[in-house]
Amino acid sequence: MNSGFNFKKCLVFSALAYKNFRLFWFGQLVSLTGSWMHSTAQGWLVLKLTDSPFYLGLVGTAGGLPILLFSLAGGVAADRFQKKNILLTTQIMFTLLSLTLAILITTGVINVWYILLLALFIGLVGAFDLPAKQSFILEMVEKESVLNAVALNSAAFNGARIIGPTIAGFIIGSFGLAVCFYINALTFIALILSLLKMRLDAEPTPSTKGYSNITKELNEKSLISDLKEGIRYILNEPKICTIIILVAITSLLGFPYITFLPVYARDILQTGPTGLGILMSSAGAGAFTGAISLALRKDFKRKGLLFAVSGITFPVALLIFSHSTLPPLSYVMLFLAGLGAVSQLATANSILQITAPQRLRGRVMSVFTLMFLGMATIGNFIVGSIAHHIGTRGAVAIGAVLCLSGVILLLWKKPEVLKI
């Protein structure tokens, strides 16, 4: 299937034996590195302009709000149209938006309201980008390689999460904030080129049925009925519904901590932009370790047990981190938090990918995206508001306690999840 290194014989890289996935994965790795640079630099920029954890939360909310509102529509689009074409469009738009932010900083006209507006646009593009990416996997690999492909995608995401913030921390201190956004704009070109090089024999979407059939199908089925069909399927599958709710709890109450790491780096641990890069990279290193561990497992039984244990590990580590004033302890706890979070999410992702029927996969994965990223939108605003009144440490700690309590309660009420 490829010359040189035999990916199929290497357990951890078996999904890379598929050329299309290999192109997608390497393009993603470059693009995501730039995206994590963007995220790190944006947080530092907001704190520099406003000196307020509330605005950090508000920008996080602005970036996630369109995902909360439009990711279900993005799932319908992913089921109706060629995912490759959707992704080409979204990567071009991401490039232009990142370039706009860089130019605003360079010209000296940047303010927090421009950042909020651009975050909204980036989130809107993401609402269509993420469901297409999530549901694209089974069109690049065969069913038995889905878990490995999901794990490798998580490894790319979190490998970039190690590299991107570290580079960003150095660049911010040495060359300024704008350079991070210029580099991010360039990195999207890698995924655009990868998508253009792909050859998909027959992408199983309405696009393969001919344009006359597409028109007929779109006329017969409205957007609302498509959304209802996907949601009805999820509600009628108790285990899938429980998994999605658990992801929502973790996202709402736990994931907002990432938004407030600039406050920890500057005010609590006093490590500056370099320390911010290390904090974000520590969480990324844990997540990368979890992703590689999943890739090594190939397929396995009792995914639900791993999902549950990971869901508990994350908030426990986050709770300890929230009270830490020692940089080494903070780095270790973020490593464990990242490990727990990615193990939970990647396992949930693979279960949903394998279980959902092809015609509904885009909509199921859009609901997963909605819970994974959309709920963090609400969480960012809630935690930011609490931080404004009682401080960032107290706000993150409250979120961790509520997250842990919610996960334990739901697992106690729905123990059948452990048997998946």
Protein backbone atom coordinates (compact mmCIF):
# COMPACT_ATOMS: atom_id res chain seq x y z
CA MET A 1 0.00 0.00 0.00
CA ASN A 2 3.04 2.24 0.41
CA SER A 3 6.73 2.07 -0.28
CA GLY A 4 9.36 2.13 2.44
CA PHE A 5 8.10 1.87 6.03
CA ASN A 6 5.24 -0.63 6.41
CA PHE A 7 2.68 1.19 8.56
CA LYS A 8 0.26 -1.74 8.57
CA LYS A 9 2.73 -4.00 10.35
CA CYS A 10 3.38 -1.37 13.01
CA LEU A 11 0.48 -1.56 15.47
CA VAL A 12 0.63 2.06 16.63
CA PHE A 13 0.65 3.40 13.03
CA SER A 14 -1.62 0.84 11.30
CA ALA A 15 -4.21 3.42 10.14
CA LEU A 16 -1.44 5.29 8.34
CA ALA A 17 -1.26 2.39 5.88
CA TYR A 18 -4.23 4.07 4.15
CA LYS A 19 -2.83 6.76 1.86
CA ASN A 20 -5.73 9.18 2.23
CA PHE A 21 -5.60 9.02 6.02
CA ARG A 22 -1.81 9.38 5.93
CA LEU A 23 -2.11 12.58 3.88
CA PHE A 24 -4.86 13.87 6.18
CA TRP A 25 -2.91 13.05 9.35
CA PHE A 26 0.33 14.75 8.38
CA GLY A 27 -1.53 17.81 7.13
CA GLN A 28 -3.48 17.92 10.39
CA LEU A 29 -0.30 17.71 12.46
CA VAL A 30 1.15 20.82 10.83
CA SER A 31 -2.14 22.73 10.88
CA LEU A 32 -2.89 21.89 14.52
CA THR A 33 0.55 23.03 15.63
CA GLY A 34 -0.29 26.45 14.23
CA SER A 35 -3.73 26.38 15.86
CA TRP A 36 -2.23 25.75 19.30
CA MET A 37 0.21 28.61 18.72
CA HIS A 38 -2.83 30.76 17.90
CA SER A 39 -4.65 29.66 21.07
CA THR A 40 -1.65 30.35 23.32
CA ALA A 41 -0.92 33.75 21.78
CA GLN A 42 -4.59 34.76 21.84
CA GLY A 43 -4.90 34.08 25.57
CA TRP A 44 -1.77 36.09 26.33
CA LEU A 45 -2.97 38.92 24.05
CA VAL A 46 -6.37 39.15 25.78
CA LEU A 47 -4.77 39.20 29.23
CA LYS A 48 -2.30 41.86 28.07
CA LEU A 49 -5.07 44.08 26.68
CA THR A 50 -7.62 43.69 29.48
CA ASP A 51 -5.85 42.29 32.58
CA SER A 52 -9.10 40.40 33.25
CA PRO A 53 -9.95 36.69 33.61
CA PHE A 54 -13.54 37.64 32.76
CA TYR A 55 -12.49 38.70 29.25
CA LEU A 56 -10.48 35.51 28.87
CA GLY A 57 -13.69 33.61 29.55
CA LEU A 58 -15.67 35.90 27.27
CA VAL A 59 -13.32 35.32 24.32
CA GLY A 60 -13.49 31.58 24.99
CA THR A 61 -17.27 31.85 24.95
CA ALA A 62 -17.22 33.83 21.69
CA GLY A 63 -15.12 31.12 20.04
CA GLY A 64 -17.42 28.34 21.18
CA LEU A 65 -20.84 29.97 20.84
CA PRO A 66 -21.17 29.34 17.06
CA ILE A 67 -20.24 25.69 17.67
CA LEU A 68 -23.01 25.50 20.25
CA LEU A 69 -25.50 27.04 17.81
CA PHE A 70 -24.47 25.62 14.44
CA SER A 71 -22.58 22.33 14.85
CA LEU A 72 -25.80 20.32 14.36
CA ALA A 73 -26.28 22.11 11.04
CA GLY A 74 -22.65 21.29 10.33
CA GLY A 75 -23.45 17.63 10.92
CA VAL A 76 -26.30 17.76 8.40
CA ALA A 77 -23.95 19.39 5.88
CA ALA A 78 -21.41 16.62 6.49
CA ASP A 79 -24.06 13.98 5.76
CA ARG A 80 -25.31 15.74 2.62
CA PHE A 81 -22.16 16.98 0.87
CA GLN A 82 -18.62 15.84 0.17
CA LYS A 83 -16.63 16.22 3.35
CA LYS A 84 -13.43 16.86 1.41
CA ASN A 85 -14.96 19.95 -0.22
CA ILE A 86 -16.31 21.20 3.10
CA LEU A 87 -12.86 20.87 4.65
CA LEU A 88 -11.11 22.65 1.78
CA THR A 89 -13.49 25.59 2.24
CA THR A 90 -13.05 25.75 6.00
CA GLN A 91 -9.23 25.64 5.83
CA ILE A 92 -9.18 28.57 3.41
CA MET A 93 -11.44 30.57 5.72
CA PHE A 94 -9.31 29.74 8.78
CA THR A 95 -6.25 31.00 6.89
CA LEU A 96 -7.89 34.34 6.10
CA LEU A 97 -9.18 34.86 9.65
CA SER A 98 -5.80 34.16 11.27
CA LEU A 99 -4.09 36.45 8.77
CA THR A 100 -6.59 39.22 9.60
CA LEU A 101 -5.78 38.99 13.31
CA ALA A 102 -2.03 39.12 12.58
CA ILE A 103 -2.44 42.25 10.44
CA LEU A 104 -4.56 43.98 13.10
CA ILE A 105 -1.80 43.41 15.66
CA THR A 106 0.95 44.52 13.26
CA THR A 107 -0.88 47.76 12.41
CA GLY A 108 -1.51 48.49 16.10
CA VAL A 109 -5.30 48.77 15.86
CA ILE A 110 -6.08 45.57 17.76
CA ASN A 111 -8.49 45.65 20.71
CA VAL A 112 -10.45 43.04 22.63
CA TRP A 113 -13.61 43.61 20.57
CA TYR A 114 -11.83 42.73 17.33
CA ILE A 115 -10.57 39.56 19.02
CA LEU A 116 -14.10 38.70 20.14
CA LEU A 117 -15.46 39.24 16.62
CA LEU A 118 -12.75 37.14 14.96
CA ALA A 119 -13.23 34.42 17.60
CA LEU A 120 -16.92 34.31 16.66
CA PHE A 121 -16.08 33.88 12.96
CA ILE A 122 -13.47 31.20 13.71
CA GLY A 123 -16.04 29.36 15.83
CA LEU A 124 -18.62 29.60 13.03
CA VAL A 125 -16.21 28.02 10.54
CA GLY A 126 -15.33 25.40 13.15
CA ALA A 127 -19.00 24.45 13.52
CA PHE A 128 -18.87 23.07 9.96
CA ASP A 129 -15.24 21.97 9.99
CA LEU A 130 -15.31 19.71 13.05
CA PRO A 131 -18.29 17.44 12.22
CA ALA A 132 -16.87 16.95 8.72
CA LYS A 133 -13.45 15.99 10.13
CA GLN A 134 -14.91 13.69 12.78
CA SER A 135 -17.14 11.80 10.34
CA PHE A 136 -14.51 11.73 7.56
CA ILE A 137 -12.42 9.03 9.27
CA LEU A 138 -14.50 6.04 8.18
CA GLU A 139 -14.18 7.21 4.58
CA MET A 140 -10.39 7.03 4.77
CA VAL A 141 -9.91 3.79 6.73
CA GLU A 142 -11.77 0.50 7.20
CA LYS A 143 -13.92 -0.20 10.23
CA GLU A 144 -11.33 -2.29 12.12
CA SER A 145 -8.87 0.63 11.96
CA VAL A 146 -11.24 3.30 13.28
CA LEU A 147 -9.99 3.21 16.89
CA ASN A 148 -6.39 3.41 15.71
CA ALA A 149 -7.26 6.30 13.38
CA VAL A 150 -9.11 8.17 16.15
CA ALA A 151 -6.20 7.60 18.53
CA LEU A 152 -3.70 8.81 15.92
CA ASN A 153 -5.85 11.89 15.31
CA SER A 154 -5.79 12.53 19.06
CA ALA A 155 -2.03 11.98 19.05
CA ALA A 156 -1.64 14.57 16.27
CA PHE A 157 -3.91 17.01 18.12
CA ASN A 158 -2.04 16.61 21.37
CA GLY A 159 1.41 16.31 19.84
CA ALA A 160 0.68 19.70 18.31
CA ARG A 161 -0.54 20.77 21.74
CA ILE A 162 2.96 20.09 23.08
CA ILE A 163 4.86 21.69 20.21
CA GLY A 164 2.60 24.67 19.43
CA PRO A 165 2.46 26.36 22.87
CA THR A 166 6.19 25.79 23.44
CA ILE A 167 7.02 27.51 20.15
CA ALA A 168 4.46 30.24 20.87
CA GLY A 169 5.95 30.97 24.29
CA PHE A 170 9.38 31.43 22.73
CA ILE A 171 8.10 33.52 19.80
CA ILE A 172 5.99 35.82 22.01
CA GLY A 173 9.03 36.60 24.15
CA SER A 174 11.44 36.97 21.21
CA PHE A 175 9.48 38.30 18.23
CA GLY A 176 6.06 39.43 19.47
CA LEU A 177 2.50 38.15 19.30
CA ALA A 178 1.74 38.85 15.63
CA VAL A 179 4.30 36.30 14.38
CA CYS A 180 2.33 33.45 16.00
CA PHE A 181 -0.77 34.34 13.97
CA TYR A 182 1.16 34.72 10.71
CA ILE A 183 2.66 31.26 11.23
CA ASN A 184 -0.76 29.81 12.01
CA ALA A 185 -2.14 31.20 8.73
CA LEU A 186 0.67 29.45 6.84
CA THR A 187 0.13 26.08 8.54
CA PHE A 188 -3.39 25.66 7.12
CA ILE A 189 -1.81 25.36 3.68
CA ALA A 190 -0.41 21.95 4.70
CA LEU A 191 -3.89 20.47 5.19
CA ILE A 192 -5.21 22.17 2.03
CA LEU A 193 -2.45 20.52 -0.01
CA SER A 194 -3.10 17.15 1.67
CA LEU A 195 -6.81 17.30 0.84
CA LEU A 196 -6.07 18.24 -2.78
CA LYS A 197 -3.79 15.20 -3.13
CA MET A 198 -6.42 12.76 -1.85
CA ARG A 199 -8.16 10.38 -4.25
CA LEU A 200 -11.49 9.17 -2.91
CA ASP A 201 -12.98 6.43 -5.08
CA ALA A 202 -16.56 6.91 -3.95
CA GLU A 203 -17.28 9.02 -0.94
CA PRO A 204 -20.54 7.54 0.41
CA THR A 205 -22.52 10.77 0.58
CA PRO A 206 -25.38 12.08 -1.51
CA SER A 207 -22.71 13.54 -3.81
CA THR A 208 -22.16 10.06 -5.31
CA LYS A 209 -25.79 9.78 -6.39
CA GLY A 210 -25.69 12.45 -9.08
CA TYR A 211 -26.72 16.07 -8.94
CA SER A 212 -30.36 15.40 -9.89
CA ASN A 213 -30.69 13.00 -6.97
CA ILE A 214 -29.07 15.52 -4.62
CA THR A 215 -31.63 18.16 -5.59
CA LYS A 216 -34.47 15.71 -5.12
CA GLU A 217 -33.21 14.57 -1.72
CA LEU A 218 -32.64 18.11 -0.44
CA ASN A 219 -36.15 19.06 -1.50
CA GLU A 220 -37.69 16.03 0.19
CA LYS A 221 -35.89 16.35 3.50
CA SER A 222 -35.68 19.63 5.34
CA LEU A 223 -32.86 20.64 7.64
CA ILE A 224 -35.14 20.37 10.67
CA SER A 225 -36.27 16.84 9.83
CA ASP A 226 -32.64 15.78 9.34
CA LEU A 227 -31.73 17.19 12.75
CA LYS A 228 -34.71 15.48 14.38
CA GLU A 229 -33.76 12.14 12.84
CA GLY A 230 -30.23 12.33 14.26
CA ILE A 231 -31.35 13.44 17.72
CA ARG A 232 -34.09 10.79 17.81
CA TYR A 233 -31.52 8.10 17.07
CA ILE A 234 -29.27 9.28 19.94
CA LEU A 235 -32.15 9.47 22.44
CA ASN A 236 -33.27 5.96 21.50
CA GLU A 237 -29.77 4.54 22.14
CA PRO A 238 -29.29 4.81 25.96
CA LYS A 239 -25.58 3.96 26.01
CA ILE A 240 -24.75 6.47 23.28
CA CYS A 241 -26.88 9.09 25.02
CA THR A 242 -25.09 8.50 28.34
CA ILE A 243 -21.65 8.77 26.73
CA ILE A 244 -22.57 12.08 25.12
CA ILE A 245 -23.94 13.44 28.42
CA LEU A 246 -20.73 12.45 30.24
CA VAL A 247 -18.68 14.26 27.59
CA ALA A 248 -20.95 17.31 28.07
CA ILE A 249 -20.35 17.32 31.84
CA THR A 250 -16.57 17.17 31.39
CA SER A 251 -16.65 19.89 28.75
CA LEU A 252 -18.95 22.23 30.67
CA LEU A 253 -17.25 22.03 34.06
CA GLY A 254 -13.69 20.89 33.39
CA PHE A 255 -12.36 22.04 30.01
CA PRO A 256 -12.65 25.80 30.70
CA TYR A 257 -9.44 25.56 32.75
CA ILE A 258 -7.46 25.85 29.49
CA THR A 259 -8.82 29.36 28.92
CA PHE A 260 -7.48 30.55 32.28
CA LEU A 261 -3.94 29.17 32.08
CA PRO A 262 -2.56 32.65 31.22
CA VAL A 263 -3.68 33.79 34.70
CA TYR A 264 -1.88 30.85 36.32
CA ALA A 265 1.29 31.55 34.33
CA ARG A 266 1.38 35.29 34.99
CA ASP A 267 -0.16 35.75 38.45
CA ILE A 268 -0.22 32.46 40.37
CA LEU A 269 2.92 30.58 39.27
CA GLN A 270 4.64 33.76 37.98
CA THR A 271 6.35 31.97 35.09
CA GLY A 272 5.48 34.38 32.25
CA PRO A 273 4.77 33.48 28.59
CA THR A 274 7.38 30.72 28.63
CA GLY A 275 5.63 29.17 31.62
CA LEU A 276 2.29 29.44 29.83
CA GLY A 277 3.77 27.42 26.98
CA ILE A 278 5.01 24.78 29.44
CA LEU A 279 1.62 24.58 31.19
CA MET A 280 -0.22 24.02 27.92
CA SER A 281 2.45 21.62 26.69
CA SER A 282 2.23 19.59 29.92
CA ALA A 283 -1.48 18.98 29.37
CA GLY A 284 -0.68 18.20 25.74
CA ALA A 285 2.04 15.73 26.72
CA GLY A 286 -0.40 13.83 28.93
CA ALA A 287 -3.01 13.83 26.20
CA PHE A 288 -0.43 12.67 23.64
CA THR A 289 0.57 9.80 25.95
CA GLY A 290 -3.07 8.76 26.30
CA ALA A 291 -3.60 8.88 22.54
CA ILE A 292 -0.52 6.77 21.80
CA SER A 293 -1.57 4.26 24.48
CA LEU A 294 -4.93 3.89 22.77
CA ALA A 295 -3.27 3.49 19.39
CA LEU A 296 -1.10 0.67 20.77
CA ARG A 297 -4.18 -1.17 22.02
CA LYS A 298 -5.67 -1.46 18.54
CA ASP A 299 -9.28 -2.60 19.16
CA PHE A 300 -10.28 -3.90 22.60
CA LYS A 301 -13.28 -4.83 24.72
CA ARG A 302 -14.61 -2.92 27.77
CA LYS A 303 -14.05 0.51 26.24
CA GLY A 304 -16.70 1.77 28.67
CA LEU A 305 -14.50 0.98 31.68
CA LEU A 306 -11.60 2.99 30.26
CA PHE A 307 -14.03 5.79 29.43
CA ALA A 308 -15.26 5.88 33.06
CA VAL A 309 -11.82 5.70 34.73
CA SER A 310 -10.51 8.45 32.45
CA GLY A 311 -13.55 10.58 33.20
CA ILE A 312 -12.71 10.44 36.93
CA THR A 313 -8.94 10.91 36.54
CA PHE A 314 -9.35 14.23 34.73
CA PRO A 315 -11.29 16.21 37.41
CA VAL A 316 -9.21 14.77 40.29
CA ALA A 317 -5.98 15.97 38.66
CA LEU A 318 -7.61 19.30 37.80
CA LEU A 319 -8.71 19.83 41.41
CA ILE A 320 -5.15 19.34 42.68
CA PHE A 321 -3.81 21.64 39.97
CA SER A 322 -6.27 24.39 40.88
CA HIS A 323 -4.70 24.74 44.36
CA SER A 324 -1.06 24.30 43.34
CA THR A 325 1.41 27.18 43.62
CA LEU A 326 4.41 25.03 42.68
CA PRO A 327 5.24 24.92 38.95
CA PRO A 328 6.55 21.29 38.97
CA LEU A 329 3.39 19.99 40.72
CA SER A 330 1.22 22.03 38.36
CA TYR A 331 2.97 20.53 35.33
CA VAL A 332 2.48 16.96 36.63
CA MET A 333 -1.21 17.51 37.41
CA LEU A 334 -1.85 18.99 33.97
CA PHE A 335 -0.09 15.98 32.45
CA LEU A 336 -2.52 13.66 34.29
CA ALA A 337 -5.49 15.87 33.40
CA GLY A 338 -4.53 15.72 29.73
CA LEU A 339 -4.07 11.95 29.95
CA GLY A 340 -7.53 11.47 31.45
CA ALA A 341 -9.28 13.89 29.11
CA VAL A 342 -7.98 12.46 25.84
CA SER A 343 -8.52 8.85 26.92
CA GLN A 344 -12.13 9.69 27.69
CA LEU A 345 -12.76 11.65 24.50
CA ALA A 346 -10.95 9.33 22.09
CA THR A 347 -12.73 6.29 23.52
CA ALA A 348 -16.10 8.05 23.25
CA ASN A 349 -15.27 9.11 19.69
CA SER A 350 -14.41 5.60 18.56
CA ILE A 351 -17.54 4.08 20.16
CA LEU A 352 -19.75 6.62 18.39
CA GLN A 353 -17.95 6.23 15.03
CA ILE A 354 -18.34 2.46 15.05
CA THR A 355 -21.90 2.38 16.42
CA ALA A 356 -23.58 5.09 14.35
CA PRO A 357 -24.94 4.09 10.90
CA GLN A 358 -23.24 5.72 7.91
CA ARG A 359 -26.21 7.88 6.93
CA LEU A 360 -26.41 9.37 10.47
CA ARG A 361 -22.72 9.48 11.39
CA GLY A 362 -22.25 13.15 10.53
CA ARG A 363 -25.18 14.14 12.74
CA VAL A 364 -24.09 11.90 15.64
CA MET A 365 -20.56 13.30 15.48
CA SER A 366 -21.94 16.84 15.30
CA VAL A 367 -23.76 16.23 18.60
CA PHE A 368 -20.49 14.87 20.03
CA THR A 369 -18.76 18.05 18.80
CA LEU A 370 -21.55 20.16 20.28
CA MET A 371 -21.07 18.55 23.69
CA PHE A 372 -17.26 18.44 23.47
CA LEU A 373 -16.71 22.05 22.39
CA GLY A 374 -20.09 23.74 22.60
CA MET A 375 -20.60 23.09 26.31
CA ALA A 376 -17.16 24.55 27.01
CA THR A 377 -18.59 27.80 25.62
CA ILE A 378 -21.07 28.02 28.47
CA GLY A 379 -18.43 26.78 30.89
CA ASN A 380 -15.98 29.50 29.89
CA PHE A 381 -18.54 32.19 30.65
CA ILE A 382 -19.57 30.59 33.97
CA VAL A 383 -16.02 30.00 35.20
CA GLY A 384 -14.93 33.46 34.00
CA SER A 385 -17.80 35.08 35.89
CA ILE A 386 -17.00 33.13 39.06
CA ALA A 387 -13.29 33.97 38.69
CA HIS A 388 -14.18 37.66 38.46
CA HIS A 389 -15.71 37.46 41.96
CA ILE A 390 -13.69 34.84 43.88
CA GLY A 391 -10.52 34.44 41.82
CA THR A 392 -9.34 32.01 39.16
CA ARG A 393 -8.11 29.28 41.54
CA GLY A 394 -11.47 29.06 43.32
CA ALA A 395 -13.41 29.05 40.05
CA VAL A 396 -11.35 26.22 38.52
CA ALA A 397 -11.62 24.22 41.76
CA ILE A 398 -15.42 24.56 41.84
CA GLY A 399 -15.61 23.38 38.24
CA ALA A 400 -13.42 20.34 39.01
CA VAL A 401 -15.52 19.33 42.04
CA LEU A 402 -18.80 19.64 40.14
CA CYS A 403 -17.34 17.74 37.18
CA LEU A 404 -16.18 14.86 39.41
CA SER A 405 -19.54 14.74 41.20
CA GLY A 406 -21.49 14.72 37.95
CA VAL A 407 -19.41 11.92 36.39
CA ILE A 408 -19.66 9.69 39.48
CA LEU A 409 -23.41 10.28 39.82
CA LEU A 410 -24.16 9.46 36.19
CA LEU A 411 -21.98 6.33 36.22
CA TRP A 412 -23.79 5.19 39.38
CA LYS A 413 -27.17 5.75 37.71
CA LYS A 414 -26.10 4.23 34.35
CA PRO A 415 -23.63 1.39 35.14
CA GLU A 416 -24.35 -0.30 31.80
CA VAL A 417 -21.88 2.13 30.21
CA LEU A 418 -19.07 0.22 31.94
CA LYS A 419 -19.98 -2.89 29.92
CA ILE A 420 -19.56 -1.36 26.44
